[in-house]
N, C-alpha and C. Protein backbone atom coordinates (compact mmCIF):
# COMPACT_ATOMS: atom_id res chain seq x y z
N MET A 1 18.23 -46.73 39.17
CA MET A 1 19.32 -45.83 39.47
C MET A 1 20.05 -45.40 38.19
N ILE A 2 20.12 -46.26 37.20
CA ILE A 2 20.80 -45.93 35.96
C ILE A 2 20.11 -44.76 35.26
N ARG A 3 18.78 -44.75 35.30
CA ARG A 3 18.04 -43.65 34.68
C ARG A 3 18.36 -42.33 35.37
N ARG A 4 18.50 -42.38 36.70
CA ARG A 4 18.81 -41.17 37.45
C ARG A 4 20.20 -40.65 37.07
N VAL A 5 21.15 -41.56 36.89
CA VAL A 5 22.51 -41.15 36.52
C VAL A 5 22.52 -40.51 35.14
N ARG A 6 21.81 -41.10 34.21
CA ARG A 6 21.73 -40.54 32.86
C ARG A 6 21.08 -39.16 32.89
N LEU A 7 20.01 -39.03 33.65
CA LEU A 7 19.33 -37.74 33.78
C LEU A 7 20.26 -36.71 34.39
N TYR A 8 20.98 -37.10 35.42
CA TYR A 8 21.91 -36.18 36.07
C TYR A 8 23.02 -35.75 35.13
N SER A 9 23.64 -36.71 34.46
CA SER A 9 24.76 -36.41 33.57
C SER A 9 24.34 -35.55 32.39
N SER A 10 23.20 -35.85 31.81
CA SER A 10 22.79 -35.15 30.59
C SER A 10 22.08 -33.83 30.86
N CYS A 11 21.30 -33.75 31.91
CA CYS A 11 20.49 -32.54 32.14
C CYS A 11 20.98 -31.68 33.29
N VAL A 12 21.03 -32.26 34.47
CA VAL A 12 21.29 -31.47 35.67
C VAL A 12 22.69 -30.87 35.65
N ARG A 13 23.70 -31.72 35.48
CA ARG A 13 25.08 -31.22 35.53
C ARG A 13 25.36 -30.24 34.41
N SER A 14 24.86 -30.52 33.21
CA SER A 14 25.10 -29.60 32.10
C SER A 14 24.39 -28.26 32.33
N SER A 15 23.22 -28.29 32.98
CA SER A 15 22.52 -27.04 33.29
C SER A 15 23.24 -26.24 34.36
N VAL A 16 23.73 -26.94 35.37
CA VAL A 16 24.43 -26.27 36.47
C VAL A 16 25.73 -25.64 35.98
N LEU A 17 26.43 -26.32 35.09
CA LEU A 17 27.74 -25.84 34.64
C LEU A 17 27.67 -25.02 33.34
N HIS A 18 26.47 -24.69 32.89
CA HIS A 18 26.33 -23.93 31.63
C HIS A 18 27.04 -22.58 31.76
N GLY A 19 27.96 -22.32 30.86
CA GLY A 19 28.68 -21.06 30.86
C GLY A 19 29.81 -20.99 31.87
N SER A 20 30.14 -22.11 32.49
CA SER A 20 31.14 -22.10 33.56
C SER A 20 32.56 -21.84 33.07
N GLU A 21 32.75 -21.84 31.75
CA GLU A 21 34.09 -21.61 31.21
C GLU A 21 34.59 -20.23 31.61
N THR A 22 33.71 -19.27 31.72
CA THR A 22 34.12 -17.89 31.96
C THR A 22 33.87 -17.45 33.40
N TRP A 23 33.45 -18.33 34.28
CA TRP A 23 33.18 -17.96 35.67
C TRP A 23 34.47 -17.75 36.43
N HIS A 24 34.40 -16.82 37.36
CA HIS A 24 35.45 -16.72 38.38
C HIS A 24 34.78 -17.17 39.67
N VAL A 25 35.10 -18.36 40.13
CA VAL A 25 34.39 -18.95 41.26
C VAL A 25 35.20 -18.78 42.53
N ARG A 26 34.57 -18.21 43.54
CA ARG A 26 35.20 -18.08 44.85
C ARG A 26 35.04 -19.38 45.62
N LYS A 27 35.83 -19.50 46.68
CA LYS A 27 35.84 -20.74 47.47
C LYS A 27 34.46 -21.05 48.05
N GLU A 28 33.77 -20.03 48.58
CA GLU A 28 32.46 -20.27 49.19
C GLU A 28 31.43 -20.71 48.15
N ASN A 29 31.58 -20.22 46.91
CA ASN A 29 30.68 -20.66 45.84
C ASN A 29 30.99 -22.08 45.41
N GLU A 30 32.28 -22.46 45.43
CA GLU A 30 32.66 -23.84 45.14
C GLU A 30 32.03 -24.79 46.15
N VAL A 31 32.09 -24.40 47.41
CA VAL A 31 31.54 -25.24 48.48
C VAL A 31 30.04 -25.40 48.30
N ALA A 32 29.34 -24.31 47.98
CA ALA A 32 27.89 -24.38 47.77
C ALA A 32 27.55 -25.27 46.59
N LEU A 33 28.35 -25.18 45.53
CA LEU A 33 28.14 -26.01 44.34
C LEU A 33 28.36 -27.49 44.68
N GLN A 34 29.39 -27.77 45.45
CA GLN A 34 29.67 -29.15 45.84
C GLN A 34 28.57 -29.71 46.73
N ARG A 35 28.07 -28.89 47.65
CA ARG A 35 26.99 -29.35 48.53
C ARG A 35 25.74 -29.70 47.73
N ALA A 36 25.40 -28.82 46.79
CA ALA A 36 24.21 -29.07 45.97
C ALA A 36 24.38 -30.35 45.17
N GLU A 37 25.58 -30.55 44.61
CA GLU A 37 25.82 -31.76 43.83
C GLU A 37 25.72 -33.00 44.71
N MET A 38 26.31 -32.95 45.90
CA MET A 38 26.30 -34.12 46.77
C MET A 38 24.88 -34.44 47.25
N LYS A 39 24.06 -33.42 47.39
CA LYS A 39 22.67 -33.66 47.76
C LYS A 39 21.96 -34.48 46.68
N ILE A 40 22.23 -34.12 45.42
CA ILE A 40 21.64 -34.85 44.29
C ILE A 40 22.21 -36.26 44.21
N VAL A 41 23.54 -36.38 44.41
CA VAL A 41 24.20 -37.70 44.34
C VAL A 41 23.65 -38.62 45.43
N ARG A 42 23.48 -38.09 46.63
CA ARG A 42 22.91 -38.92 47.72
C ARG A 42 21.49 -39.36 47.39
N TRP A 43 20.71 -38.45 46.78
CA TRP A 43 19.35 -38.80 46.40
C TRP A 43 19.35 -39.92 45.37
N MET A 44 20.28 -39.85 44.41
CA MET A 44 20.34 -40.87 43.37
C MET A 44 20.73 -42.23 43.95
N CYS A 45 21.59 -42.22 44.98
CA CYS A 45 22.05 -43.48 45.57
C CYS A 45 21.15 -43.95 46.71
N ASN A 46 20.13 -43.20 47.02
CA ASN A 46 19.25 -43.52 48.14
C ASN A 46 20.01 -43.63 49.45
N VAL A 47 20.91 -42.68 49.69
CA VAL A 47 21.73 -42.67 50.89
C VAL A 47 21.47 -41.37 51.62
N LYS A 48 21.37 -41.45 52.94
CA LYS A 48 21.19 -40.26 53.75
C LYS A 48 22.53 -39.86 54.36
N VAL A 49 22.64 -38.63 54.81
CA VAL A 49 23.87 -38.15 55.43
C VAL A 49 24.15 -38.97 56.69
N LYS A 50 23.08 -39.38 57.36
CA LYS A 50 23.19 -40.19 58.58
C LYS A 50 23.94 -41.49 58.35
N ASP A 51 23.85 -42.03 57.13
CA ASP A 51 24.51 -43.30 56.82
C ASP A 51 26.03 -43.18 56.76
N ARG A 52 26.53 -41.95 56.69
CA ARG A 52 27.98 -41.66 56.72
C ARG A 52 28.77 -42.41 55.65
N VAL A 53 28.25 -42.39 54.43
CA VAL A 53 28.97 -42.98 53.29
C VAL A 53 29.79 -41.86 52.66
N PRO A 54 31.09 -42.06 52.44
CA PRO A 54 31.93 -41.00 51.88
C PRO A 54 31.48 -40.57 50.48
N SER A 55 31.64 -39.29 50.21
CA SER A 55 31.25 -38.72 48.92
C SER A 55 32.01 -39.38 47.77
N LYS A 56 33.28 -39.63 48.01
CA LYS A 56 34.12 -40.24 46.97
C LYS A 56 33.57 -41.60 46.57
N GLU A 57 33.13 -42.37 47.54
CA GLU A 57 32.57 -43.70 47.26
C GLU A 57 31.27 -43.59 46.46
N LEU A 58 30.44 -42.60 46.80
CA LEU A 58 29.18 -42.43 46.07
C LEU A 58 29.44 -42.02 44.62
N ARG A 59 30.42 -41.14 44.41
CA ARG A 59 30.76 -40.73 43.05
C ARG A 59 31.31 -41.90 42.24
N GLU A 60 32.13 -42.74 42.89
CA GLU A 60 32.66 -43.93 42.20
C GLU A 60 31.53 -44.88 41.83
N ARG A 61 30.58 -45.03 42.73
CA ARG A 61 29.43 -45.90 42.48
C ARG A 61 28.66 -45.46 41.24
N LEU A 62 28.54 -44.14 41.07
CA LEU A 62 27.80 -43.61 39.93
C LEU A 62 28.68 -43.39 38.70
N GLY A 63 29.99 -43.38 38.89
CA GLY A 63 30.90 -43.18 37.77
C GLY A 63 30.98 -41.75 37.30
N ILE A 64 30.89 -40.79 38.24
CA ILE A 64 30.98 -39.37 37.88
C ILE A 64 32.17 -38.73 38.61
N ASP A 65 32.67 -37.64 38.04
CA ASP A 65 33.79 -36.91 38.63
C ASP A 65 33.27 -35.80 39.54
N ASP A 66 34.17 -35.27 40.34
CA ASP A 66 33.85 -34.16 41.23
C ASP A 66 33.50 -32.93 40.38
N ILE A 67 32.51 -32.18 40.80
CA ILE A 67 32.03 -31.04 40.01
C ILE A 67 33.07 -29.92 39.95
N ILE A 68 33.89 -29.78 40.98
CA ILE A 68 34.94 -28.75 40.98
C ILE A 68 36.01 -29.08 39.95
N LEU A 69 36.32 -30.36 39.82
CA LEU A 69 37.29 -30.79 38.80
C LEU A 69 36.77 -30.46 37.40
N ILE A 70 35.50 -30.73 37.16
CA ILE A 70 34.88 -30.42 35.87
C ILE A 70 34.88 -28.92 35.63
N LEU A 71 34.62 -28.14 36.67
CA LEU A 71 34.62 -26.69 36.58
C LEU A 71 36.00 -26.17 36.17
N GLN A 72 37.05 -26.72 36.77
CA GLN A 72 38.42 -26.32 36.44
C GLN A 72 38.77 -26.71 35.01
N GLN A 73 38.36 -27.89 34.59
CA GLN A 73 38.64 -28.34 33.22
C GLN A 73 37.95 -27.44 32.20
N ASN A 74 36.72 -27.02 32.50
CA ASN A 74 36.00 -26.12 31.60
C ASN A 74 36.73 -24.79 31.48
N GLY A 75 37.20 -24.26 32.61
CA GLY A 75 37.93 -23.00 32.58
C GLY A 75 39.21 -23.09 31.78
N LEU A 76 39.94 -24.20 31.94
CA LEU A 76 41.19 -24.37 31.19
C LEU A 76 40.91 -24.55 29.70
N ARG A 77 39.82 -25.22 29.36
CA ARG A 77 39.46 -25.39 27.96
C ARG A 77 39.21 -24.03 27.32
N TRP A 78 38.50 -23.16 28.03
CA TRP A 78 38.22 -21.82 27.51
C TRP A 78 39.52 -21.01 27.38
N TYR A 79 40.40 -21.11 28.36
CA TYR A 79 41.66 -20.38 28.34
C TYR A 79 42.51 -20.81 27.15
N ARG A 80 42.58 -22.12 26.91
CA ARG A 80 43.33 -22.61 25.74
C ARG A 80 42.71 -22.11 24.44
N HIS A 81 41.39 -22.01 24.40
CA HIS A 81 40.68 -21.50 23.23
C HIS A 81 41.09 -20.06 22.94
N VAL A 82 41.15 -19.25 23.99
CA VAL A 82 41.53 -17.85 23.84
C VAL A 82 42.99 -17.73 23.41
N LEU A 83 43.86 -18.56 23.96
CA LEU A 83 45.28 -18.50 23.61
C LEU A 83 45.52 -18.85 22.14
N ARG A 84 44.68 -19.69 21.56
CA ARG A 84 44.86 -20.08 20.17
C ARG A 84 44.38 -19.02 19.19
N LYS A 85 43.65 -18.02 19.66
CA LYS A 85 43.11 -17.00 18.76
C LYS A 85 44.25 -16.16 18.17
N GLU A 86 43.94 -15.51 17.06
CA GLU A 86 44.92 -14.65 16.40
C GLU A 86 45.15 -13.39 17.23
N TYR A 87 46.30 -12.78 17.02
CA TYR A 87 46.67 -11.59 17.78
C TYR A 87 45.72 -10.42 17.51
N THR A 88 45.11 -10.38 16.33
CA THR A 88 44.23 -9.27 15.97
C THR A 88 42.84 -9.39 16.60
N ASP A 89 42.51 -10.52 17.18
CA ASP A 89 41.20 -10.72 17.80
C ASP A 89 41.07 -9.86 19.05
N TRP A 90 39.89 -9.30 19.29
CA TRP A 90 39.68 -8.39 20.41
C TRP A 90 39.87 -9.08 21.75
N MET A 91 39.51 -10.34 21.84
CA MET A 91 39.64 -11.05 23.11
C MET A 91 41.11 -11.24 23.47
N LYS A 92 41.90 -11.57 22.49
CA LYS A 92 43.33 -11.73 22.70
C LYS A 92 43.96 -10.39 23.09
N LYS A 93 43.50 -9.30 22.46
CA LYS A 93 44.00 -7.97 22.81
C LYS A 93 43.66 -7.61 24.25
N CYS A 94 42.46 -7.98 24.68
CA CYS A 94 42.05 -7.69 26.06
C CYS A 94 42.93 -8.43 27.07
N MET A 95 43.34 -9.64 26.74
CA MET A 95 44.19 -10.40 27.65
C MET A 95 45.56 -9.77 27.81
N GLU A 96 46.06 -9.16 26.75
CA GLU A 96 47.41 -8.63 26.77
C GLU A 96 47.44 -7.11 26.95
N TYR A 97 46.31 -6.50 27.30
CA TYR A 97 46.22 -5.06 27.45
C TYR A 97 46.91 -4.61 28.73
N GLU A 98 47.74 -3.57 28.62
CA GLU A 98 48.42 -2.98 29.76
C GLU A 98 47.75 -1.65 30.09
N VAL A 99 47.30 -1.49 31.31
CA VAL A 99 46.64 -0.25 31.73
C VAL A 99 47.72 0.76 32.09
N GLU A 100 47.59 1.97 31.56
CA GLU A 100 48.56 3.03 31.85
C GLU A 100 48.21 3.72 33.15
N GLY A 101 49.22 4.22 33.83
CA GLY A 101 49.00 4.95 35.07
C GLY A 101 48.91 4.01 36.26
N SER A 102 48.59 4.60 37.40
CA SER A 102 48.47 3.79 38.61
C SER A 102 47.16 4.12 39.31
N ARG A 103 46.75 3.23 40.17
CA ARG A 103 45.52 3.45 40.91
C ARG A 103 45.78 4.42 42.06
N PRO A 104 44.79 5.21 42.43
CA PRO A 104 44.98 6.11 43.58
C PRO A 104 45.09 5.31 44.88
N ARG A 105 45.76 5.89 45.85
CA ARG A 105 45.92 5.20 47.13
C ARG A 105 44.62 5.22 47.91
N GLY A 106 44.47 4.25 48.77
CA GLY A 106 43.34 4.25 49.70
C GLY A 106 42.08 3.62 49.12
N ARG A 107 41.06 3.69 49.95
CA ARG A 107 39.78 3.10 49.60
C ARG A 107 39.01 4.02 48.65
N PRO A 108 38.28 3.43 47.67
CA PRO A 108 37.51 4.27 46.74
C PRO A 108 36.39 5.03 47.47
N LYS A 109 36.03 6.20 46.95
CA LYS A 109 34.95 6.97 47.54
C LYS A 109 33.61 6.32 47.26
N ARG A 110 32.64 6.55 48.15
CA ARG A 110 31.33 5.92 48.04
C ARG A 110 30.33 6.73 47.22
N THR A 111 30.74 7.42 46.23
CA THR A 111 29.93 8.27 45.34
C THR A 111 29.02 9.24 46.06
């Protein structure tokens, strides 16, 4: 089981979360990500859904955090990185850019 945990921590989770700093994740995508992670965690612990072992207990057993928590931490790390940039940097300018004018009323036309 230890080998599976190392493999998961070093390869699977890092591959799944690659580039997650800049993602905008919707609730349904969070749920899908959590389901996929729990499927892997159950496989590593040799536990089936039928056994009704709580997810929190399985994560504690393996010593890993919830994937949504890691996703949020990655996003905040990226945000802090952008905030530390100089004012002349293009990324910082994009964050503070004010769009002139207003949007037209109603639904956009379908081209």
